[in-house]
Amino acid sequence: MQNILIINTGGTFNKVYNRVTGKLEIDKSGEAIKEIAKAWLTELKIVNIIGKDSLDMTQDDREEILNIVKSAVEDRIIIVHGTDTIDKTAQYLSRANLDKRIVLTGAMTPFSINPIEATANLSSAYGYLLQLKENNVYISMNSKIDLYHRVIKNRGKGYFMITPKS
């Protein structure tokens, strides 16, 4: 059995509606991840950190993610991250030349509102991670999975796509 670490940083994936304020707020406990992963029948370690929308992430936040990845005994890691700056964090991790297989994922619709996208993205990241042979940093979003620099958010159309090989 392969141990996998899931690092939960927040993002839309984890947002829940606050009935008092009327706002979507990030659930920092990772309940959405636990709900999805309970059917996987494998040992998972989930670490909840930061708890921010990715637009609010700082360089210190990325450094915190990197430090957890570096210190992890697991060599297979999923990072649940907001979609707006998922590429920046992926690039930052890639520059560290880690001896790990890392897949970043997230969702543009909160699990609490409609669980389909978050479930599909996290499950795709998990399945992809299990078959990976090479250490590197990948992004898994909207059925698009590849090296981090190839999966980009098309902000005008509201979905992720894979760039042509260069």
N, C-alpha and C. Protein backbone atom coordinates (compact mmCIF):
# COMPACT_ATOMS: atom_id res chain seq x y z
N MET A 1 0.85 -1.19 0.00
CA MET A 1 0.00 0.00 0.00
C MET A 1 0.89 1.24 0.00
N GLN A 2 0.58 2.18 -0.87
CA GLN A 2 1.37 3.40 -0.95
C GLN A 2 0.73 4.48 -0.11
N ASN A 3 1.54 5.10 0.73
CA ASN A 3 1.03 6.21 1.52
C ASN A 3 1.07 7.48 0.69
N ILE A 4 -0.01 8.23 0.80
CA ILE A 4 -0.14 9.48 0.06
C ILE A 4 -0.45 10.59 1.04
N LEU A 5 0.20 11.71 0.86
CA LEU A 5 -0.07 12.89 1.67
C LEU A 5 -0.94 13.84 0.85
N ILE A 6 -2.01 14.32 1.47
CA ILE A 6 -2.82 15.37 0.85
C ILE A 6 -2.63 16.62 1.68
N ILE A 7 -2.16 17.67 1.01
CA ILE A 7 -1.99 18.98 1.66
C ILE A 7 -3.15 19.85 1.20
N ASN A 8 -3.95 20.26 2.14
CA ASN A 8 -5.12 21.07 1.85
C ASN A 8 -4.82 22.53 2.19
N THR A 9 -4.82 23.39 1.17
CA THR A 9 -4.48 24.80 1.40
C THR A 9 -5.68 25.73 1.37
N GLY A 10 -6.84 25.20 1.01
CA GLY A 10 -8.04 26.05 0.94
C GLY A 10 -8.58 26.11 -0.46
N GLY A 11 -8.86 27.31 -0.93
CA GLY A 11 -9.38 27.49 -2.28
C GLY A 11 -10.88 27.25 -2.35
N THR A 12 -11.44 27.51 -3.51
CA THR A 12 -12.87 27.36 -3.74
C THR A 12 -13.34 25.94 -3.44
N PHE A 13 -12.51 24.96 -3.72
CA PHE A 13 -12.80 23.55 -3.44
C PHE A 13 -13.43 23.40 -2.05
N ASN A 14 -12.90 24.12 -1.06
CA ASN A 14 -13.28 23.98 0.34
C ASN A 14 -14.29 25.01 0.84
N LYS A 15 -14.80 25.85 -0.03
CA LYS A 15 -15.69 26.92 0.45
C LYS A 15 -17.07 26.38 0.82
N VAL A 16 -17.62 26.97 1.89
CA VAL A 16 -18.96 26.64 2.36
C VAL A 16 -19.72 27.93 2.60
N TYR A 17 -21.02 27.86 2.46
CA TYR A 17 -21.87 29.04 2.64
C TYR A 17 -22.08 29.31 4.13
N ASN A 18 -21.78 30.54 4.53
CA ASN A 18 -22.02 30.98 5.91
C ASN A 18 -23.39 31.64 5.94
N ARG A 19 -24.33 31.02 6.64
CA ARG A 19 -25.71 31.51 6.67
C ARG A 19 -25.85 32.84 7.41
N VAL A 20 -24.89 33.14 8.27
CA VAL A 20 -24.96 34.39 9.03
C VAL A 20 -24.48 35.56 8.19
N THR A 21 -23.31 35.39 7.54
CA THR A 21 -22.73 36.50 6.76
C THR A 21 -23.20 36.52 5.31
N GLY A 22 -23.71 35.38 4.84
CA GLY A 22 -24.12 35.28 3.44
C GLY A 22 -22.95 35.15 2.48
N LYS A 23 -21.77 34.82 3.00
CA LYS A 23 -20.57 34.71 2.17
C LYS A 23 -20.09 33.26 2.10
N LEU A 24 -19.35 32.98 1.05
CA LEU A 24 -18.65 31.70 0.97
C LEU A 24 -17.34 31.84 1.72
N GLU A 25 -17.10 30.93 2.65
CA GLU A 25 -15.88 30.95 3.46
C GLU A 25 -15.19 29.60 3.35
N ILE A 26 -13.89 29.61 3.54
CA ILE A 26 -13.12 28.38 3.42
C ILE A 26 -13.24 27.55 4.70
N ASP A 27 -13.64 26.29 4.52
CA ASP A 27 -13.66 25.33 5.62
C ASP A 27 -12.23 24.83 5.77
N LYS A 28 -11.58 25.19 6.86
CA LYS A 28 -10.18 24.85 7.07
C LYS A 28 -9.97 23.43 7.60
N SER A 29 -11.06 22.69 7.83
CA SER A 29 -10.94 21.34 8.38
C SER A 29 -10.79 20.25 7.31
N GLY A 30 -11.01 20.59 6.06
CA GLY A 30 -10.85 19.62 4.98
C GLY A 30 -11.95 18.58 4.90
N GLU A 31 -13.15 18.92 5.34
CA GLU A 31 -14.26 17.96 5.32
C GLU A 31 -14.58 17.46 3.92
N ALA A 32 -14.48 18.32 2.92
CA ALA A 32 -14.75 17.91 1.54
C ALA A 32 -13.78 16.81 1.10
N ILE A 33 -12.52 16.99 1.41
CA ILE A 33 -11.50 15.99 1.04
C ILE A 33 -11.77 14.67 1.75
N LYS A 34 -12.07 14.74 3.03
CA LYS A 34 -12.37 13.52 3.79
C LYS A 34 -13.57 12.79 3.21
N GLU A 35 -14.58 13.54 2.82
CA GLU A 35 -15.79 12.94 2.25
C GLU A 35 -15.48 12.22 0.94
N ILE A 36 -14.70 12.84 0.09
CA ILE A 36 -14.35 12.23 -1.20
C ILE A 36 -13.45 11.01 -1.00
N ALA A 37 -12.44 11.15 -0.17
CA ALA A 37 -11.40 10.13 -0.03
C ALA A 37 -11.83 8.91 0.79
N LYS A 38 -12.93 8.99 1.50
CA LYS A 38 -13.31 7.85 2.36
C LYS A 38 -13.59 6.58 1.56
N ALA A 39 -13.89 6.70 0.29
CA ALA A 39 -14.18 5.52 -0.54
C ALA A 39 -12.93 4.93 -1.19
N TRP A 40 -11.78 5.52 -1.01
CA TRP A 40 -10.58 5.07 -1.72
C TRP A 40 -9.92 3.85 -1.10
N LEU A 41 -10.29 3.49 0.12
CA LEU A 41 -9.76 2.30 0.77
C LEU A 41 -8.24 2.27 0.80
N THR A 42 -7.65 3.37 1.15
CA THR A 42 -6.20 3.45 1.26
C THR A 42 -5.84 4.37 2.41
N GLU A 43 -4.61 4.31 2.81
CA GLU A 43 -4.15 5.14 3.90
C GLU A 43 -3.78 6.51 3.37
N LEU A 44 -4.44 7.52 3.88
CA LEU A 44 -4.15 8.88 3.47
C LEU A 44 -3.85 9.71 4.71
N LYS A 45 -2.93 10.60 4.56
CA LYS A 45 -2.65 11.57 5.61
C LYS A 45 -3.06 12.93 5.03
N ILE A 46 -3.91 13.63 5.75
CA ILE A 46 -4.36 14.96 5.29
C ILE A 46 -3.83 16.01 6.25
N VAL A 47 -3.16 17.00 5.70
CA VAL A 47 -2.65 18.13 6.48
C VAL A 47 -3.37 19.38 6.00
N ASN A 48 -4.05 20.06 6.91
CA ASN A 48 -4.76 21.30 6.58
C ASN A 48 -3.90 22.49 6.98
N ILE A 49 -3.54 23.30 5.99
CA ILE A 49 -2.73 24.49 6.25
C ILE A 49 -3.31 25.69 5.50
N ILE A 50 -2.86 26.85 5.84
CA ILE A 50 -3.13 28.12 5.17
C ILE A 50 -4.61 28.50 5.18
N GLY A 51 -5.48 27.74 4.52
CA GLY A 51 -6.92 28.01 4.52
C GLY A 51 -7.29 29.33 3.87
N LYS A 52 -6.73 29.56 2.68
CA LYS A 52 -6.97 30.82 1.98
C LYS A 52 -7.46 30.58 0.56
N ASP A 53 -8.09 31.61 0.01
CA ASP A 53 -8.33 31.68 -1.42
C ASP A 53 -6.95 31.88 -2.04
N SER A 54 -6.69 31.27 -3.16
CA SER A 54 -5.34 31.35 -3.72
C SER A 54 -4.96 32.77 -4.16
N LEU A 55 -5.94 33.62 -4.40
CA LEU A 55 -5.62 35.01 -4.74
C LEU A 55 -4.98 35.74 -3.55
N ASP A 56 -5.21 35.23 -2.34
CA ASP A 56 -4.66 35.83 -1.13
C ASP A 56 -3.35 35.18 -0.68
N MET A 57 -2.89 34.17 -1.40
CA MET A 57 -1.66 33.48 -1.02
C MET A 57 -0.45 34.38 -1.21
N THR A 58 0.49 34.22 -0.30
CA THR A 58 1.73 35.00 -0.33
C THR A 58 2.91 34.08 -0.60
N GLN A 59 4.06 34.68 -0.77
CA GLN A 59 5.28 33.89 -0.93
C GLN A 59 5.56 33.07 0.33
N ASP A 60 5.23 33.62 1.49
CA ASP A 60 5.40 32.88 2.75
C ASP A 60 4.51 31.64 2.76
N ASP A 61 3.29 31.74 2.20
CA ASP A 61 2.40 30.58 2.12
C ASP A 61 3.02 29.50 1.23
N ARG A 62 3.58 29.90 0.10
CA ARG A 62 4.21 28.93 -0.79
C ARG A 62 5.42 28.29 -0.13
N GLU A 63 6.13 29.07 0.64
CA GLU A 63 7.28 28.53 1.38
C GLU A 63 6.80 27.51 2.42
N GLU A 64 5.67 27.76 3.06
CA GLU A 64 5.10 26.81 4.02
C GLU A 64 4.73 25.50 3.33
N ILE A 65 4.13 25.60 2.16
CA ILE A 65 3.80 24.39 1.38
C ILE A 65 5.07 23.63 1.05
N LEU A 66 6.07 24.34 0.56
CA LEU A 66 7.34 23.71 0.19
C LEU A 66 7.97 23.01 1.39
N ASN A 67 7.97 23.64 2.54
CA ASN A 67 8.58 23.04 3.74
C ASN A 67 7.86 21.76 4.15
N ILE A 68 6.53 21.75 4.03
CA ILE A 68 5.79 20.53 4.36
C ILE A 68 6.10 19.43 3.36
N VAL A 69 6.17 19.78 2.09
CA VAL A 69 6.51 18.79 1.06
C VAL A 69 7.90 18.23 1.32
N LYS A 70 8.86 19.10 1.59
CA LYS A 70 10.24 18.66 1.83
C LYS A 70 10.33 17.72 3.03
N SER A 71 9.61 18.02 4.08
CA SER A 71 9.72 17.24 5.31
C SER A 71 8.84 15.98 5.30
N ALA A 72 7.98 15.84 4.31
CA ALA A 72 7.08 14.69 4.25
C ALA A 72 7.85 13.40 3.98
N VAL A 73 7.48 12.34 4.69
CA VAL A 73 8.07 11.03 4.41
C VAL A 73 7.47 10.45 3.14
N GLU A 74 6.26 10.87 2.80
CA GLU A 74 5.59 10.40 1.59
C GLU A 74 6.27 11.00 0.36
N ASP A 75 6.38 10.20 -0.69
CA ASP A 75 6.94 10.73 -1.94
C ASP A 75 5.85 10.99 -2.98
N ARG A 76 4.60 10.73 -2.61
CA ARG A 76 3.45 11.01 -3.48
C ARG A 76 2.54 11.97 -2.72
N ILE A 77 2.33 13.13 -3.34
CA ILE A 77 1.62 14.21 -2.64
C ILE A 77 0.58 14.84 -3.57
N ILE A 78 -0.61 15.05 -3.01
CA ILE A 78 -1.65 15.83 -3.68
C ILE A 78 -1.79 17.13 -2.91
N ILE A 79 -1.86 18.24 -3.64
CA ILE A 79 -2.09 19.53 -3.00
C ILE A 79 -3.40 20.09 -3.53
N VAL A 80 -4.35 20.29 -2.61
CA VAL A 80 -5.62 20.93 -2.97
C VAL A 80 -5.40 22.43 -2.83
N HIS A 81 -5.63 23.16 -3.92
CA HIS A 81 -5.20 24.55 -4.03
C HIS A 81 -6.26 25.33 -4.80
N GLY A 82 -6.33 26.61 -4.57
CA GLY A 82 -7.20 27.47 -5.37
C GLY A 82 -6.72 27.53 -6.80
N THR A 83 -7.66 27.71 -7.72
CA THR A 83 -7.31 27.62 -9.15
C THR A 83 -6.65 28.88 -9.71
N ASP A 84 -6.84 30.02 -9.07
CA ASP A 84 -6.30 31.26 -9.66
C ASP A 84 -4.78 31.35 -9.64
N THR A 85 -4.15 30.75 -8.65
CA THR A 85 -2.68 30.81 -8.59
C THR A 85 -2.06 29.42 -8.45
N ILE A 86 -2.79 28.40 -8.83
CA ILE A 86 -2.28 27.03 -8.76
C ILE A 86 -0.99 26.90 -9.58
N ASP A 87 -0.93 27.60 -10.69
CA ASP A 87 0.25 27.55 -11.56
C ASP A 87 1.47 28.16 -10.88
N LYS A 88 1.29 29.24 -10.12
CA LYS A 88 2.42 29.88 -9.42
C LYS A 88 3.01 28.97 -8.36
N THR A 89 2.13 28.32 -7.61
CA THR A 89 2.61 27.40 -6.58
C THR A 89 3.29 26.19 -7.21
N ALA A 90 2.72 25.67 -8.28
CA ALA A 90 3.32 24.53 -8.98
C ALA A 90 4.71 24.89 -9.49
N GLN A 91 4.84 26.05 -10.09
CA GLN A 91 6.15 26.49 -10.59
C GLN A 91 7.14 26.63 -9.44
N TYR A 92 6.71 27.20 -8.33
CA TYR A 92 7.56 27.38 -7.16
C TYR A 92 8.07 26.02 -6.65
N LEU A 93 7.18 25.05 -6.58
CA LEU A 93 7.58 23.72 -6.12
C LEU A 93 8.51 23.06 -7.12
N SER A 94 8.25 23.24 -8.39
CA SER A 94 9.09 22.64 -9.42
C SER A 94 10.53 23.15 -9.36
N ARG A 95 10.68 24.42 -9.08
CA ARG A 95 12.02 25.02 -8.99
C ARG A 95 12.84 24.45 -7.83
N ALA A 96 12.17 23.82 -6.87
CA ALA A 96 12.87 23.24 -5.72
C ALA A 96 13.48 21.88 -6.04
N ASN A 97 13.19 21.34 -7.23
CA ASN A 97 13.74 20.04 -7.65
C ASN A 97 13.58 18.97 -6.58
N LEU A 98 12.36 18.74 -6.19
CA LEU A 98 12.05 17.79 -5.13
C LEU A 98 12.05 16.35 -5.66
N ASP A 99 12.41 15.43 -4.82
CA ASP A 99 12.40 14.02 -5.17
C ASP A 99 11.04 13.43 -4.81
N LYS A 100 9.98 14.01 -5.40
CA LYS A 100 8.61 13.65 -5.07
C LYS A 100 7.76 13.72 -6.33
N ARG A 101 6.62 13.05 -6.26
CA ARG A 101 5.59 13.14 -7.30
C ARG A 101 4.46 13.96 -6.69
N ILE A 102 4.19 15.10 -7.30
CA ILE A 102 3.24 16.06 -6.73
C ILE A 102 2.18 16.40 -7.77
N VAL A 103 0.91 16.31 -7.37
CA VAL A 103 -0.19 16.70 -8.24
C VAL A 103 -1.02 17.75 -7.52
N LEU A 104 -1.15 18.92 -8.13
CA LEU A 104 -2.00 19.97 -7.58
C LEU A 104 -3.36 19.90 -8.26
N THR A 105 -4.40 20.14 -7.47
CA THR A 105 -5.75 20.15 -8.00
C THR A 105 -6.60 21.12 -7.19
N GLY A 106 -7.78 21.37 -7.66
CA GLY A 106 -8.69 22.28 -6.98
C GLY A 106 -10.06 22.16 -7.63
N ALA A 107 -10.87 23.20 -7.48
CA ALA A 107 -12.19 23.22 -8.11
C ALA A 107 -12.63 24.66 -8.26
N MET A 108 -13.41 24.92 -9.29
CA MET A 108 -13.95 26.26 -9.49
C MET A 108 -15.35 26.39 -8.91
N THR A 109 -15.95 25.26 -8.53
CA THR A 109 -17.22 25.25 -7.82
C THR A 109 -17.00 24.55 -6.48
N PRO A 110 -17.41 25.14 -5.38
CA PRO A 110 -17.20 24.50 -4.08
C PRO A 110 -17.87 23.12 -3.99
N PHE A 111 -17.19 22.19 -3.35
CA PHE A 111 -17.76 20.85 -3.09
C PHE A 111 -19.10 20.98 -2.38
N SER A 112 -19.21 21.93 -1.47
CA SER A 112 -20.44 22.09 -0.67
C SER A 112 -21.64 22.53 -1.51
N ILE A 113 -21.39 23.13 -2.66
CA ILE A 113 -22.48 23.59 -3.53
C ILE A 113 -22.83 22.53 -4.58
N ASN A 114 -21.80 21.98 -5.20
CA ASN A 114 -21.99 20.91 -6.17
C ASN A 114 -20.73 20.05 -6.14
N PRO A 115 -20.81 18.84 -5.60
CA PRO A 115 -19.61 18.03 -5.38
C PRO A 115 -18.99 17.39 -6.63
N ILE A 116 -19.63 17.52 -7.77
CA ILE A 116 -19.16 16.78 -8.95
C ILE A 116 -17.75 17.19 -9.38
N GLU A 117 -17.49 18.47 -9.59
CA GLU A 117 -16.18 18.89 -10.09
C GLU A 117 -15.07 18.59 -9.09
N ALA A 118 -15.28 18.94 -7.83
CA ALA A 118 -14.26 18.70 -6.80
C ALA A 118 -13.95 17.21 -6.69
N THR A 119 -14.99 16.39 -6.70
CA THR A 119 -14.80 14.94 -6.61
C THR A 119 -14.04 14.42 -7.83
N ALA A 120 -14.42 14.85 -9.01
CA ALA A 120 -13.74 14.41 -10.23
C ALA A 120 -12.28 14.85 -10.24
N ASN A 121 -12.02 16.09 -9.86
CA ASN A 121 -10.65 16.59 -9.90
C ASN A 121 -9.76 15.90 -8.88
N LEU A 122 -10.24 15.73 -7.65
CA LEU A 122 -9.43 15.07 -6.63
C LEU A 122 -9.24 13.60 -6.96
N SER A 123 -10.28 12.95 -7.43
CA SER A 123 -10.17 11.53 -7.80
C SER A 123 -9.23 11.34 -8.99
N SER A 124 -9.28 12.23 -9.95
CA SER A 124 -8.36 12.17 -11.10
C SER A 124 -6.92 12.36 -10.65
N ALA A 125 -6.71 13.32 -9.76
CA ALA A 125 -5.37 13.57 -9.23
C ALA A 125 -4.84 12.32 -8.52
N TYR A 126 -5.70 11.70 -7.72
CA TYR A 126 -5.33 10.49 -6.98
C TYR A 126 -4.96 9.36 -7.94
N GLY A 127 -5.81 9.09 -8.91
CA GLY A 127 -5.54 8.02 -9.87
C GLY A 127 -4.28 8.27 -10.67
N TYR A 128 -4.09 9.50 -11.09
CA TYR A 128 -2.90 9.85 -11.86
C TYR A 128 -1.64 9.68 -11.02
N LEU A 129 -1.72 10.13 -9.78
CA LEU A 129 -0.58 10.03 -8.87
C LEU A 129 -0.17 8.57 -8.66
N LEU A 130 -1.12 7.69 -8.56
CA LEU A 130 -0.81 6.27 -8.34
C LEU A 130 0.00 5.65 -9.47
N GLN A 131 -0.23 6.12 -10.70
CA GLN A 131 0.46 5.52 -11.84
C GLN A 131 1.74 6.25 -12.25
N LEU A 132 2.01 7.40 -11.65
CA LEU A 132 3.19 8.19 -12.03
C LEU A 132 4.49 7.44 -11.74
N LYS A 133 5.39 7.49 -12.68
CA LYS A 133 6.70 6.85 -12.53
C LYS A 133 7.82 7.88 -12.28
N GLU A 134 7.59 9.12 -12.72
CA GLU A 134 8.64 10.13 -12.63
C GLU A 134 8.29 11.21 -11.62
N ASN A 135 9.29 11.61 -10.86
CA ASN A 135 9.11 12.73 -9.94
C ASN A 135 8.98 14.01 -10.75
N ASN A 136 7.97 14.79 -10.42
CA ASN A 136 7.77 16.08 -11.06
C ASN A 136 6.54 16.72 -10.44
N VAL A 137 6.14 17.87 -10.96
CA VAL A 137 4.98 18.59 -10.47
C VAL A 137 3.95 18.65 -11.60
N TYR A 138 2.73 18.24 -11.28
CA TYR A 138 1.66 18.12 -12.26
C TYR A 138 0.44 18.90 -11.76
N ILE A 139 -0.45 19.22 -12.70
CA ILE A 139 -1.75 19.82 -12.35
C ILE A 139 -2.84 18.93 -12.94
N SER A 140 -3.88 18.70 -12.15
CA SER A 140 -5.05 17.92 -12.58
C SER A 140 -6.29 18.78 -12.38
N MET A 141 -6.86 19.24 -13.50
CA MET A 141 -8.05 20.10 -13.45
C MET A 141 -8.94 19.82 -14.65
N ASN A 142 -10.22 19.65 -14.42
CA ASN A 142 -11.21 19.50 -15.49
C ASN A 142 -10.82 18.44 -16.52
N SER A 143 -10.41 17.27 -16.07
CA SER A 143 -9.97 16.14 -16.90
C SER A 143 -8.70 16.42 -17.68
N LYS A 144 -8.02 17.47 -17.37
CA LYS A 144 -6.75 17.79 -18.00
C LYS A 144 -5.66 17.54 -16.97
N ILE A 145 -4.74 16.63 -17.28
CA ILE A 145 -3.66 16.29 -16.35
C ILE A 145 -2.37 16.22 -17.13
N ASP A 146 -1.39 16.99 -16.66
CA ASP A 146 -0.09 16.99 -17.32
C ASP A 146 0.90 17.73 -16.43
N LEU A 147 2.11 17.88 -16.94
CA LEU A 147 3.11 18.68 -16.22
C LEU A 147 2.54 20.06 -15.97
N TYR A 148 2.90 20.64 -14.84
CA TYR A 148 2.28 21.88 -14.37
C TYR A 148 2.29 23.00 -15.40
N HIS A 149 3.34 23.14 -16.19
CA HIS A 149 3.44 24.27 -17.12
C HIS A 149 2.58 24.09 -18.37
N ARG A 150 2.00 22.90 -18.53
CA ARG A 150 1.16 22.65 -19.71
C ARG A 150 -0.33 22.81 -19.43
N VAL A 151 -0.73 22.73 -18.16
CA VAL A 151 -2.15 22.85 -17.80
C VAL A 151 -2.39 24.28 -17.33
N ILE A 152 -3.18 25.02 -18.10
CA ILE A 152 -3.38 26.44 -17.78
C ILE A 152 -4.88 26.76 -17.69
N LYS A 153 -5.14 27.79 -16.92
CA LYS A 153 -6.53 28.23 -16.76
C LYS A 153 -6.86 29.24 -17.86
N ASN A 154 -7.88 28.94 -18.62
CA ASN A 154 -8.39 29.87 -19.62
C ASN A 154 -9.41 30.74 -18.89
N ARG A 155 -8.96 31.88 -18.44
CA ARG A 155 -9.80 32.75 -17.61
C ARG A 155 -11.01 33.28 -18.38
N GLY A 156 -10.87 33.50 -19.65
CA GLY A 156 -11.97 34.01 -20.46
C GLY A 156 -13.11 33.02 -20.63
N LYS A 157 -12.76 31.74 -20.63
CA LYS A 157 -13.78 30.70 -20.84
C LYS A 157 -14.12 29.94 -19.56
N GLY A 158 -13.32 30.12 -18.52
CA GLY A 158 -13.63 29.51 -17.23
C GLY A 158 -13.34 28.02 -17.12
N TYR A 159 -12.30 27.56 -17.80
CA TYR A 159 -11.91 26.16 -17.66
C TYR A 159 -10.41 26.02 -17.91
N PHE A 160 -9.88 24.84 -17.58
CA PHE A 160 -8.47 24.55 -17.79
C PHE A 160 -8.27 23.83 -19.10
N MET A 161 -7.10 24.03 -19.69
CA MET A 161 -6.77 23.39 -20.95
C MET A 161 -5.29 23.03 -20.96
N ILE A 162 -4.92 22.16 -21.87
CA ILE A 162 -3.52 21.78 -22.01
C ILE A 162 -2.95 22.55 -23.20
N THR A 163 -1.80 23.17 -22.97
CA THR A 163 -1.14 23.93 -24.03
C THR A 163 -0.46 22.96 -24.99
N PRO A 164 -0.32 23.35 -26.22
CA PRO A 164 0.40 22.50 -27.17
C PRO A 164 1.85 22.31 -26.73
N LYS A 165 2.40 21.13 -27.03
CA LYS A 165 3.82 20.87 -26.69
C LYS A 165 4.69 21.83 -27.47
N SER A 166 5.70 22.35 -26.76
CA SER A 166 6.63 23.27 -27.45
C SER A 166 8.00 22.68 -27.54
